[in-house]
Each structure stands twice: as structure tokens, then as C-alpha cells.
Amino acid sequence: GGRHCAVYRDDDGELHIVAARCTHMGCLVRFNDAERTW
């Protein structure tokens, strides 16, 4: 839809969707697969 979304599915199968643009200066976040963070 013209914008970037950060999408995560937890261990229970639930989706968590947030904007992917960092609120600091607008770079796109990336997923950390160990700490489960953006």
C-alpha cells in the first residue's frame, strides 16, 4: 500500500504489525531473530 510495515508473528501465531520507519530519522528497521526486536 505504498508504505513499509514491520510484521512479526509470535509463538502463539499472533501477528504484530507496526510501521517500519524508525521514528528517529526514518530509516527502515530490521528484525533481530535472537532478541525478537526491531
PDB file of all heavy atoms in Angstrom:
ATOM      1  N   GLY A   1       0.800  -1.211   0.000  1.00  0.00           N
ATOM      2  CA  GLY A   1       0.000   0.000   0.000  1.00  0.00           C
ATOM      3  C   GLY A   1       0.831   1.258   0.000  1.00  0.00           C
ATOM      4  O   GLY A   1       0.413   2.293   0.535  1.00  0.00           O
ATOM      5  N   GLY A   2       2.034   1.204  -0.551  1.00  0.00           N
ATOM      6  CA  GLY A   2       2.871   2.385  -0.637  1.00  0.00           C
ATOM      7  C   GLY A   2       3.658   2.704   0.619  1.00  0.00           C
ATOM      8  O   GLY A   2       4.326   3.726   0.684  1.00  0.00           O
ATOM      9  N   ARG A   3       3.607   1.829   1.618  1.00  0.00           N
ATOM     10  CA  ARG A   3       4.394   2.085   2.828  1.00  0.00           C
ATOM     11  C   ARG A   3       4.968   0.775   3.352  1.00  0.00           C
ATOM     12  O   ARG A   3       4.513  -0.316   3.001  1.00  0.00           O
ATOM     13  CB  ARG A   3       3.555   2.775   3.894  1.00  0.00           C
ATOM     14  CG  ARG A   3       2.362   1.981   4.382  1.00  0.00           C
ATOM     15  CD  ARG A   3       1.634   2.779   5.451  1.00  0.00           C
ATOM     16  NE  ARG A   3       0.436   2.099   5.903  1.00  0.00           N
ATOM     17  CZ  ARG A   3      -0.348   2.567   6.868  1.00  0.00           C
ATOM     18  NH1 ARG A   3      -0.051   3.717   7.452  1.00  0.00           N
ATOM     19  NH2 ARG A   3      -1.425   1.908   7.231  1.00  0.00           N
ATOM     20  N   HIS A   4       5.962   0.911   4.215  1.00  0.00           N
ATOM     21  CA  HIS A   4       6.662  -0.241   4.744  1.00  0.00           C
ATOM     22  C   HIS A   4       6.127  -0.603   6.125  1.00  0.00           C
ATOM     23  O   HIS A   4       5.930   0.261   6.978  1.00  0.00           O
ATOM     24  CB  HIS A   4       8.158   0.039   4.840  1.00  0.00           C
ATOM     25  CG  HIS A   4       8.798   0.295   3.511  1.00  0.00           C
ATOM     26  ND1 HIS A   4       8.887   1.561   2.947  1.00  0.00           N
ATOM     27  CD2 HIS A   4       9.367  -0.554   2.613  1.00  0.00           C
ATOM     28  CE1 HIS A   4       9.493   1.480   1.777  1.00  0.00           C
ATOM     29  NE2 HIS A   4       9.798   0.209   1.549  1.00  0.00           N
ATOM     30  N   CYS A   5       5.918  -1.889   6.322  1.00  0.00           N
ATOM     31  CA  CYS A   5       5.415  -2.391   7.597  1.00  0.00           C
ATOM     32  C   CYS A   5       6.392  -3.421   8.160  1.00  0.00           C
ATOM     33  O   CYS A   5       6.978  -4.211   7.419  1.00  0.00           O
ATOM     34  CB  CYS A   5       4.048  -3.054   7.419  1.00  0.00           C
ATOM     35  SG  CYS A   5       2.768  -1.958   6.779  1.00  0.00           S
ATOM     36  N   ALA A   6       6.558  -3.404   9.479  1.00  0.00           N
ATOM     37  CA  ALA A   6       7.360  -4.403  10.182  1.00  0.00           C
ATOM     38  C   ALA A   6       6.397  -5.419  10.775  1.00  0.00           C
ATOM     39  O   ALA A   6       5.581  -5.085  11.636  1.00  0.00           O
ATOM     40  CB  ALA A   6       8.192  -3.741  11.269  1.00  0.00           C
ATOM     41  N   VAL A   7       6.454  -6.651  10.295  1.00  0.00           N
ATOM     42  CA  VAL A   7       5.471  -7.678  10.640  1.00  0.00           C
ATOM     43  C   VAL A   7       6.156  -8.800  11.399  1.00  0.00           C
ATOM     44  O   VAL A   7       7.170  -9.345  10.953  1.00  0.00           O
ATOM     45  CB  VAL A   7       4.806  -8.245   9.367  1.00  0.00           C
ATOM     46  CG1 VAL A   7       3.741  -9.265   9.732  1.00  0.00           C
ATOM     47  CG2 VAL A   7       4.217  -7.114   8.524  1.00  0.00           C
ATOM     48  N   TYR A   8       5.600  -9.159  12.546  1.00  0.00           N
ATOM     49  CA  TYR A   8       6.156 -10.238  13.371  1.00  0.00           C
ATOM     50  C   TYR A   8       5.030 -11.168  13.797  1.00  0.00           C
ATOM     51  O   TYR A   8       3.952 -10.725  14.190  1.00  0.00           O
ATOM     52  CB  TYR A   8       6.830  -9.653  14.615  1.00  0.00           C
ATOM     53  CG  TYR A   8       7.167 -10.678  15.664  1.00  0.00           C
ATOM     54  CD1 TYR A   8       8.198 -11.600  15.479  1.00  0.00           C
ATOM     55  CD2 TYR A   8       6.456 -10.723  16.865  1.00  0.00           C
ATOM     56  CE1 TYR A   8       8.503 -12.544  16.445  1.00  0.00           C
ATOM     57  CE2 TYR A   8       6.757 -11.666  17.844  1.00  0.00           C
ATOM     58  CZ  TYR A   8       7.779 -12.574  17.627  1.00  0.00           C
ATOM     59  OH  TYR A   8       8.079 -13.502  18.587  1.00  0.00           O
ATOM     60  N   ARG A   9       5.277 -12.488  13.706  1.00  0.00           N
ATOM     61  CA  ARG A   9       4.317 -13.481  14.184  1.00  0.00           C
ATOM     62  C   ARG A   9       4.919 -14.163  15.412  1.00  0.00           C
ATOM     63  O   ARG A   9       6.002 -14.740  15.341  1.00  0.00           O
ATOM     64  CB  ARG A   9       4.006 -14.521  13.108  1.00  0.00           C
ATOM     65  CG  ARG A   9       2.875 -15.497  13.520  1.00  0.00           C
ATOM     66  CD  ARG A   9       2.631 -16.549  12.461  1.00  0.00           C
ATOM     67  NE  ARG A   9       2.113 -15.992  11.227  1.00  0.00           N
ATOM     68  CZ  ARG A   9       0.827 -15.708  10.999  1.00  0.00           C
ATOM     69  NH1 ARG A   9      -0.060 -15.929  11.949  1.00  0.00           N
ATOM     70  NH2 ARG A   9       0.447 -15.209   9.853  1.00  0.00           N
ATOM     71  N   ASP A  10       4.218 -14.084  16.560  1.00  0.00           N
ATOM     72  CA  ASP A  10       4.771 -14.634  17.799  1.00  0.00           C
ATOM     73  C   ASP A  10       4.575 -16.141  17.873  1.00  0.00           C
ATOM     74  O   ASP A  10       4.036 -16.778  16.957  1.00  0.00           O
ATOM     75  CB  ASP A  10       4.183 -13.915  19.023  1.00  0.00           C
ATOM     76  CG  ASP A  10       2.678 -14.108  19.186  1.00  0.00           C
ATOM     77  OD1 ASP A  10       2.138 -15.117  18.695  1.00  0.00           O
ATOM     78  OD2 ASP A  10       2.045 -13.244  19.807  1.00  0.00           O
ATOM     79  N   ASP A  11       5.005 -16.735  18.994  1.00  0.00           N
ATOM     80  CA  ASP A  11       4.970 -18.191  19.142  1.00  0.00           C
ATOM     81  C   ASP A  11       3.551 -18.744  19.183  1.00  0.00           C
ATOM     82  O   ASP A  11       3.334 -19.937  18.935  1.00  0.00           O
ATOM     83  CB  ASP A  11       5.707 -18.600  20.419  1.00  0.00           C
ATOM     84  CG  ASP A  11       7.212 -18.452  20.286  1.00  0.00           C
ATOM     85  OD1 ASP A  11       7.706 -18.392  19.147  1.00  0.00           O
ATOM     86  OD2 ASP A  11       7.901 -18.384  21.328  1.00  0.00           O
ATOM     87  N   ASP A  12       2.584 -17.911  19.510  1.00  0.00           N
ATOM     88  CA  ASP A  12       1.187 -18.335  19.531  1.00  0.00           C
ATOM     89  C   ASP A  12       0.492 -18.118  18.189  1.00  0.00           C
ATOM     90  O   ASP A  12      -0.706 -18.375  18.064  1.00  0.00           O
ATOM     91  CB  ASP A  12       0.424 -17.591  20.629  1.00  0.00           C
ATOM     92  CG  ASP A  12       0.935 -17.929  22.018  1.00  0.00           C
ATOM     93  OD1 ASP A  12       1.328 -19.092  22.224  1.00  0.00           O
ATOM     94  OD2 ASP A  12       0.963 -17.036  22.883  1.00  0.00           O
ATOM     95  N   GLY A  13       1.239 -17.611  17.210  1.00  0.00           N
ATOM     96  CA  GLY A  13       0.672 -17.386  15.892  1.00  0.00           C
ATOM     97  C   GLY A  13       0.056 -16.010  15.695  1.00  0.00           C
ATOM     98  O   GLY A  13      -0.449 -15.713  14.613  1.00  0.00           O
ATOM     99  N   GLU A  14       0.119 -15.149  16.705  1.00  0.00           N
ATOM    100  CA  GLU A  14      -0.494 -13.824  16.597  1.00  0.00           C
ATOM    101  C   GLU A  14       0.427 -12.874  15.847  1.00  0.00           C
ATOM    102  O   GLU A  14       1.644 -12.841  16.074  1.00  0.00           O
ATOM    103  CB  GLU A  14      -0.800 -13.268  17.986  1.00  0.00           C
ATOM    104  CG  GLU A  14      -1.464 -11.899  17.967  1.00  0.00           C
ATOM    105  CD  GLU A  14      -1.745 -11.378  19.358  1.00  0.00           C
ATOM    106  OE1 GLU A  14      -1.531 -12.127  20.328  1.00  0.00           O
ATOM    107  OE2 GLU A  14      -2.179 -10.208  19.480  1.00  0.00           O
ATOM    108  N   LEU A  15      -0.165 -12.073  14.959  1.00  0.00           N
ATOM    109  CA  LEU A  15       0.593 -11.092  14.198  1.00  0.00           C
ATOM    110  C   LEU A  15       0.696  -9.773  14.957  1.00  0.00           C
ATOM    111  O   LEU A  15      -0.250  -9.335  15.609  1.00  0.00           O
ATOM    112  CB  LEU A  15      -0.063 -10.829  12.848  1.00  0.00           C
ATOM    113  CG  LEU A  15       0.181 -11.844  11.733  1.00  0.00           C
ATOM    114  CD1 LEU A  15      -0.647 -11.472  10.508  1.00  0.00           C
ATOM    115  CD2 LEU A  15       1.658 -11.895  11.367  1.00  0.00           C
ATOM    116  N   HIS A  16       1.867  -9.133  14.838  1.00  0.00           N
ATOM    117  CA  HIS A  16       2.093  -7.798  15.377  1.00  0.00           C
ATOM    118  C   HIS A  16       2.624  -6.958  14.217  1.00  0.00           C
ATOM    119  O   HIS A  16       3.683  -7.270  13.655  1.00  0.00           O
ATOM    120  CB  HIS A  16       3.104  -7.835  16.520  1.00  0.00           C
ATOM    121  CG  HIS A  16       2.714  -8.757  17.637  1.00  0.00           C
ATOM    122  ND1 HIS A  16       2.091  -8.329  18.779  1.00  0.00           N
ATOM    123  CD2 HIS A  16       2.875 -10.111  17.771  1.00  0.00           C
ATOM    124  CE1 HIS A  16       1.871  -9.351  19.582  1.00  0.00           C
ATOM    125  NE2 HIS A  16       2.338 -10.451  18.990  1.00  0.00           N
ATOM    126  N   ILE A  17       1.917  -5.903  13.871  1.00  0.00           N
ATOM    127  CA  ILE A  17       2.277  -5.099  12.708  1.00  0.00           C
ATOM    128  C   ILE A  17       2.460  -3.648  13.143  1.00  0.00           C
ATOM    129  O   ILE A  17       1.561  -3.054  13.750  1.00  0.00           O
ATOM    130  CB  ILE A  17       1.208  -5.183  11.603  1.00  0.00           C
ATOM    131  CG1 ILE A  17       0.972  -6.647  11.220  1.00  0.00           C
ATOM    132  CG2 ILE A  17       1.642  -4.383  10.380  1.00  0.00           C
ATOM    133  CD1 ILE A  17      -0.124  -6.825  10.191  1.00  0.00           C
ATOM    134  N   VAL A  18       3.630  -3.098  12.838  1.00  0.00           N
ATOM    135  CA  VAL A  18       3.921  -1.706  13.155  1.00  0.00           C
ATOM    136  C   VAL A  18       4.579  -1.064  11.943  1.00  0.00           C
ATOM    137  O   VAL A  18       5.041  -1.746  11.024  1.00  0.00           O
ATOM    138  CB  VAL A  18       4.856  -1.590  14.381  1.00  0.00           C
ATOM    139  CG1 VAL A  18       4.167  -2.103  15.640  1.00  0.00           C
ATOM    140  CG2 VAL A  18       6.166  -2.335  14.148  1.00  0.00           C
ATOM    141  N   ALA A  19       4.623   0.259  11.934  1.00  0.00           N
ATOM    142  CA  ALA A  19       5.322   0.973  10.870  1.00  0.00           C
ATOM    143  C   ALA A  19       6.803   0.632  10.924  1.00  0.00           C
ATOM    144  O   ALA A  19       7.387   0.507  11.996  1.00  0.00           O
ATOM    145  CB  ALA A  19       5.116   2.474  11.025  1.00  0.00           C
ATOM    146  N   ALA A  20       7.419   0.492   9.761  1.00  0.00           N
ATOM    147  CA  ALA A  20       8.818   0.085   9.697  1.00  0.00           C
ATOM    148  C   ALA A  20       9.784   1.258   9.706  1.00  0.00           C
ATOM    149  O   ALA A  20      10.995   1.056   9.796  1.00  0.00           O
ATOM    150  CB  ALA A  20       9.063  -0.765   8.448  1.00  0.00           C
ATOM    151  N   ARG A  21       9.260   2.476   9.629  1.00  0.00           N
ATOM    152  CA  ARG A  21      10.130   3.656   9.626  1.00  0.00           C
ATOM    153  C   ARG A  21      10.508   4.023  11.056  1.00  0.00           C
ATOM    154  O   ARG A  21       9.654   4.291  11.888  1.00  0.00           O
ATOM    155  CB  ARG A  21       9.420   4.850   8.972  1.00  0.00           C
ATOM    156  CG  ARG A  21       9.338   4.784   7.467  1.00  0.00           C
ATOM    157  CD  ARG A  21       8.426   5.888   6.944  1.00  0.00           C
ATOM    158  NE  ARG A  21       8.803   7.199   7.459  1.00  0.00           N
ATOM    159  CZ  ARG A  21       9.617   8.053   6.843  1.00  0.00           C
ATOM    160  NH1 ARG A  21      10.133   7.711   5.672  1.00  0.00           N
ATOM    161  NH2 ARG A  21       9.897   9.222   7.358  1.00  0.00           N
ATOM    162  N   CYS A  22      11.820   4.023  11.337  1.00  0.00           N
ATOM    163  CA  CYS A  22      12.299   4.432  12.650  1.00  0.00           C
ATOM    164  C   CYS A  22      11.848   5.867  12.921  1.00  0.00           C
ATOM    165  O   CYS A  22      11.951   6.743  12.037  1.00  0.00           O
ATOM    166  CB  CYS A  22      13.820   4.336  12.713  1.00  0.00           C
ATOM    167  SG  CYS A  22      14.530   4.924  14.271  1.00  0.00           S
ATOM    168  N   THR A  23      11.349   6.116  14.104  1.00  0.00           N
ATOM    169  CA  THR A  23      10.821   7.437  14.444  1.00  0.00           C
ATOM    170  C   THR A  23      11.918   8.451  14.731  1.00  0.00           C
ATOM    171  O   THR A  23      11.628   9.614  15.006  1.00  0.00           O
ATOM    172  CB  THR A  23       9.899   7.343  15.666  1.00  0.00           C
ATOM    173  OG1 THR A  23      10.607   6.737  16.760  1.00  0.00           O
ATOM    174  CG2 THR A  23       8.672   6.501  15.342  1.00  0.00           C
ATOM    175  N   HIS A  24      13.155   8.027  14.657  1.00  0.00           N
ATOM    176  CA  HIS A  24      14.266   8.962  14.864  1.00  0.00           C
ATOM    177  C   HIS A  24      14.529   9.781  13.601  1.00  0.00           C
ATOM    178  O   HIS A  24      14.303  10.985  13.581  1.00  0.00           O
ATOM    179  CB  HIS A  24      15.529   8.188  15.280  1.00  0.00           C
ATOM    180  CG  HIS A  24      16.763   9.011  15.354  1.00  0.00           C
ATOM    181  ND1 HIS A  24      17.962   8.619  14.805  1.00  0.00           N
ATOM    182  CD2 HIS A  24      17.000  10.224  15.910  1.00  0.00           C
ATOM    183  CE1 HIS A  24      18.878   9.535  15.027  1.00  0.00           C
ATOM    184  NE2 HIS A  24      18.314  10.521  15.695  1.00  0.00           N
ATOM    185  N   MET A  25      14.958   9.107  12.527  1.00  0.00           N
ATOM    186  CA  MET A  25      15.246   9.820  11.287  1.00  0.00           C
ATOM    187  C   MET A  25      14.718   9.098  10.056  1.00  0.00           C
ATOM    188  O   MET A  25      15.062   9.447   8.929  1.00  0.00           O
ATOM    189  CB  MET A  25      16.756  10.068  11.153  1.00  0.00           C
ATOM    190  CG  MET A  25      17.305  11.014  12.202  1.00  0.00           C
ATOM    191  SD  MET A  25      19.051  11.429  11.999  1.00  0.00           S
ATOM    192  CE  MET A  25      19.004  12.491  10.556  1.00  0.00           C
ATOM    193  N   GLY A  26      13.894   8.072  10.243  1.00  0.00           N
ATOM    194  CA  GLY A  26      13.175   7.498   9.118  1.00  0.00           C
ATOM    195  C   GLY A  26      13.790   6.322   8.420  1.00  0.00           C
ATOM    196  O   GLY A  26      13.243   5.844   7.414  1.00  0.00           O
ATOM    197  N   CYS A  27      14.906   5.789   8.893  1.00  0.00           N
ATOM    198  CA  CYS A  27      15.454   4.578   8.291  1.00  0.00           C
ATOM    199  C   CYS A  27      14.534   3.395   8.584  1.00  0.00           C
ATOM    200  O   CYS A  27      13.792   3.401   9.565  1.00  0.00           O
ATOM    201  CB  CYS A  27      16.849   4.298   8.842  1.00  0.00           C
ATOM    202  SG  CYS A  27      18.103   5.500   8.352  1.00  0.00           S
ATOM    203  N   LEU A  28      14.589   2.382   7.744  1.00  0.00           N
ATOM    204  CA  LEU A  28      13.762   1.201   7.952  1.00  0.00           C
ATOM    205  C   LEU A  28      14.414   0.256   8.951  1.00  0.00           C
ATOM    206  O   LEU A  28      15.615  -0.018   8.876  1.00  0.00           O
ATOM    207  CB  LEU A  28      13.540   0.459   6.630  1.00  0.00           C
ATOM    208  CG  LEU A  28      12.756   1.205   5.549  1.00  0.00           C
ATOM    209  CD1 LEU A  28      12.498   0.276   4.373  1.00  0.00           C
ATOM    210  CD2 LEU A  28      11.455   1.759   6.089  1.00  0.00           C
ATOM    211  N   VAL A  29      13.610  -0.238   9.880  1.00  0.00           N
ATOM    212  CA  VAL A  29      14.123  -1.150  10.892  1.00  0.00           C
ATOM    213  C   VAL A  29      14.327  -2.538  10.300  1.00  0.00           C
ATOM    214  O   VAL A  29      13.807  -2.858   9.232  1.00  0.00           O
ATOM    215  CB  VAL A  29      13.170  -1.223  12.102  1.00  0.00           C
ATOM    216  CG1 VAL A  29      13.063   0.133  12.782  1.00  0.00           C
ATOM    217  CG2 VAL A  29      11.790  -1.735  11.680  1.00  0.00           C
ATOM    218  N   ARG A  30      15.074  -3.367  11.034  1.00  0.00           N
ATOM    219  CA  ARG A  30      15.315  -4.755  10.647  1.00  0.00           C
ATOM    220  C   ARG A  30      15.083  -5.651  11.854  1.00  0.00           C
ATOM    221  O   ARG A  30      15.228  -5.214  12.998  1.00  0.00           O
ATOM    222  CB  ARG A  30      16.744  -4.931  10.120  1.00  0.00           C
ATOM    223  CG  ARG A  30      17.004  -4.218   8.794  1.00  0.00           C
ATOM    224  CD  ARG A  30      18.402  -4.505   8.310  1.00  0.00           C
ATOM    225  NE  ARG A  30      18.643  -3.969   6.981  1.00  0.00           N
ATOM    226  CZ  ARG A  30      19.753  -4.193   6.281  1.00  0.00           C
ATOM    227  NH1 ARG A  30      20.716  -4.947   6.794  1.00  0.00           N
ATOM    228  NH2 ARG A  30      19.904  -3.675   5.082  1.00  0.00           N
ATOM    229  N   PHE A  31      14.785  -6.920  11.583  1.00  0.00           N
ATOM    230  CA  PHE A  31      14.424  -7.842  12.657  1.00  0.00           C
ATOM    231  C   PHE A  31      15.654  -8.506  13.247  1.00  0.00           C
ATOM    232  O   PHE A  31      16.551  -8.953  12.527  1.00  0.00           O
ATOM    233  CB  PHE A  31      13.475  -8.913  12.120  1.00  0.00           C
ATOM    234  CG  PHE A  31      12.889  -9.795  13.188  1.00  0.00           C
ATOM    235  CD1 PHE A  31      12.069  -9.266  14.173  1.00  0.00           C
ATOM    236  CD2 PHE A  31      13.171 -11.160  13.214  1.00  0.00           C
ATOM    237  CE1 PHE A  31      11.525 -10.079  15.159  1.00  0.00           C
ATOM    238  CE2 PHE A  31      12.628 -11.984  14.187  1.00  0.00           C
ATOM    239  CZ  PHE A  31      11.803 -11.431  15.163  1.00  0.00           C
ATOM    240  N   ASN A  32      15.697  -8.570  14.586  1.00  0.00           N
ATOM    241  CA  ASN A  32      16.732  -9.303  15.318  1.00  0.00           C
ATOM    242  C   ASN A  32      16.121 -10.634  15.738  1.00  0.00           C
ATOM    243  O   ASN A  32      15.232 -10.681  16.591  1.00  0.00           O
ATOM    244  CB  ASN A  32      17.177  -8.485  16.537  1.00  0.00           C
ATOM    245  CG  ASN A  32      18.237  -9.174  17.376  1.00  0.00           C
ATOM    246  OD1 ASN A  32      18.207 -10.382  17.570  1.00  0.00           O
ATOM    247  ND2 ASN A  32      19.173  -8.390  17.887  1.00  0.00           N
ATOM    248  N   ASP A  33      16.590 -11.725  15.152  1.00  0.00           N
ATOM    249  CA  ASP A  33      15.948 -13.020  15.353  1.00  0.00           C
ATOM    250  C   ASP A  33      16.279 -13.659  16.694  1.00  0.00           C
ATOM    251  O   ASP A  33      15.634 -14.641  17.091  1.00  0.00           O
ATOM    252  CB  ASP A  33      16.317 -13.985  14.216  1.00  0.00           C
ATOM    253  CG  ASP A  33      17.805 -14.266  14.119  1.00  0.00           C
ATOM    254  OD1 ASP A  33      18.595 -13.498  14.703  1.00  0.00           O
ATOM    255  OD2 ASP A  33      18.190 -15.242  13.446  1.00  0.00           O
ATOM    256  N   ALA A  34      17.269 -13.142  17.434  1.00  0.00           N
ATOM    257  CA  ALA A  34      17.593 -13.678  18.752  1.00  0.00           C
ATOM    258  C   ALA A  34      16.802 -12.979  19.847  1.00  0.00           C
ATOM    259  O   ALA A  34      16.173 -13.616  20.685  1.00  0.00           O
ATOM    260  CB  ALA A  34      19.089 -13.551  19.016  1.00  0.00           C
ATOM    261  N   GLU A  35      16.822 -11.648  19.844  1.00  0.00           N
ATOM    262  CA  GLU A  35      16.110 -10.877  20.867  1.00  0.00           C
ATOM    263  C   GLU A  35      14.663 -10.593  20.490  1.00  0.00           C
ATOM    264  O   GLU A  35      13.894 -10.104  21.309  1.00  0.00           O
ATOM    265  CB  GLU A  35      16.855  -9.564  21.122  1.00  0.00           C
ATOM    266  CG  GLU A  35      18.248  -9.776  21.679  1.00  0.00           C
ATOM    267  CD  GLU A  35      19.080  -8.522  21.679  1.00  0.00           C
ATOM    268  OE1 GLU A  35      19.686  -8.206  20.628  1.00  0.00           O
ATOM    269  OE2 GLU A  35      19.132  -7.831  22.717  1.00  0.00           O
ATOM    270  N   ARG A  36      14.311 -10.902  19.240  1.00  0.00           N
ATOM    271  CA  ARG A  36      12.971 -10.646  18.723  1.00  0.00           C
ATOM    272  C   ARG A  36      12.589  -9.176  18.926  1.00  0.00           C
ATOM    273  O   ARG A  36      11.626  -8.825  19.611  1.00  0.00           O
ATOM    274  CB  ARG A  36      11.954 -11.580  19.359  1.00  0.00           C
ATOM    275  CG  ARG A  36      12.273 -13.052  19.122  1.00  0.00           C
ATOM    276  CD  ARG A  36      11.095 -13.940  19.434  1.00  0.00           C
ATOM    277  NE  ARG A  36      11.482 -15.352  19.410  1.00  0.00           N
ATOM    278  CZ  ARG A  36      10.626 -16.353  19.479  1.00  0.00           C
ATOM    279  NH1 ARG A  36       9.328 -16.107  19.579  1.00  0.00           N
ATOM    280  NH2 ARG A  36      11.044 -17.600  19.460  1.00  0.00           N
ATOM    281  N   THR A  37      13.399  -8.348  18.326  1.00  0.00           N
ATOM    282  CA  THR A  37      13.205  -6.900  18.374  1.00  0.00           C
ATOM    283  C   THR A  37      13.432  -6.327  16.992  1.00  0.00           C
ATOM    284  O   THR A  37      13.960  -7.000  16.099  1.00  0.00           O
ATOM    285  CB  THR A  37      14.199  -6.244  19.349  1.00  0.00           C
ATOM    286  OG1 THR A  37      15.551  -6.586  18.955  1.00  0.00           O
ATOM    287  CG2 THR A  37      13.970  -6.712  20.780  1.00  0.00           C
ATOM    288  N   TRP A  38      13.030  -5.085  16.826  1.00  0.00           N
ATOM    289  CA  TRP A  38      13.310  -4.341  15.602  1.00  0.00           C
ATOM    290  C   TRP A  38      14.458  -3.379  15.889  1.00  0.00           C
ATOM    291  O   TRP A  38      14.458  -2.689  16.901  1.00  0.00           O
ATOM    292  CB  TRP A  38      12.076  -3.567  15.133  1.00  0.00           C
ATOM    293  CG  TRP A  38      10.930  -4.454  14.768  1.00  0.00           C
ATOM    294  CD1 TRP A  38       9.776  -4.651  15.468  1.00  0.00           C
ATOM    295  CD2 TRP A  38      10.814  -5.262  13.584  1.00  0.00           C
ATOM    296  NE1 TRP A  38       8.952  -5.543  14.813  1.00  0.00           N
ATOM    297  CE2 TRP A  38       9.559  -5.929  13.653  1.00  0.00           C
ATOM    298  CE3 TRP A  38      11.640  -5.489  12.490  1.00  0.00           C
ATOM    299  CZ2 TRP A  38       9.131  -6.801  12.656  1.00  0.00           C
ATOM    300  CZ3 TRP A  38      11.214  -6.371  11.495  1.00  0.00           C
ATOM    301  CH2 TRP A  38       9.970  -7.016  11.585  1.00  0.00           C
TER     302      TRP A  38
END
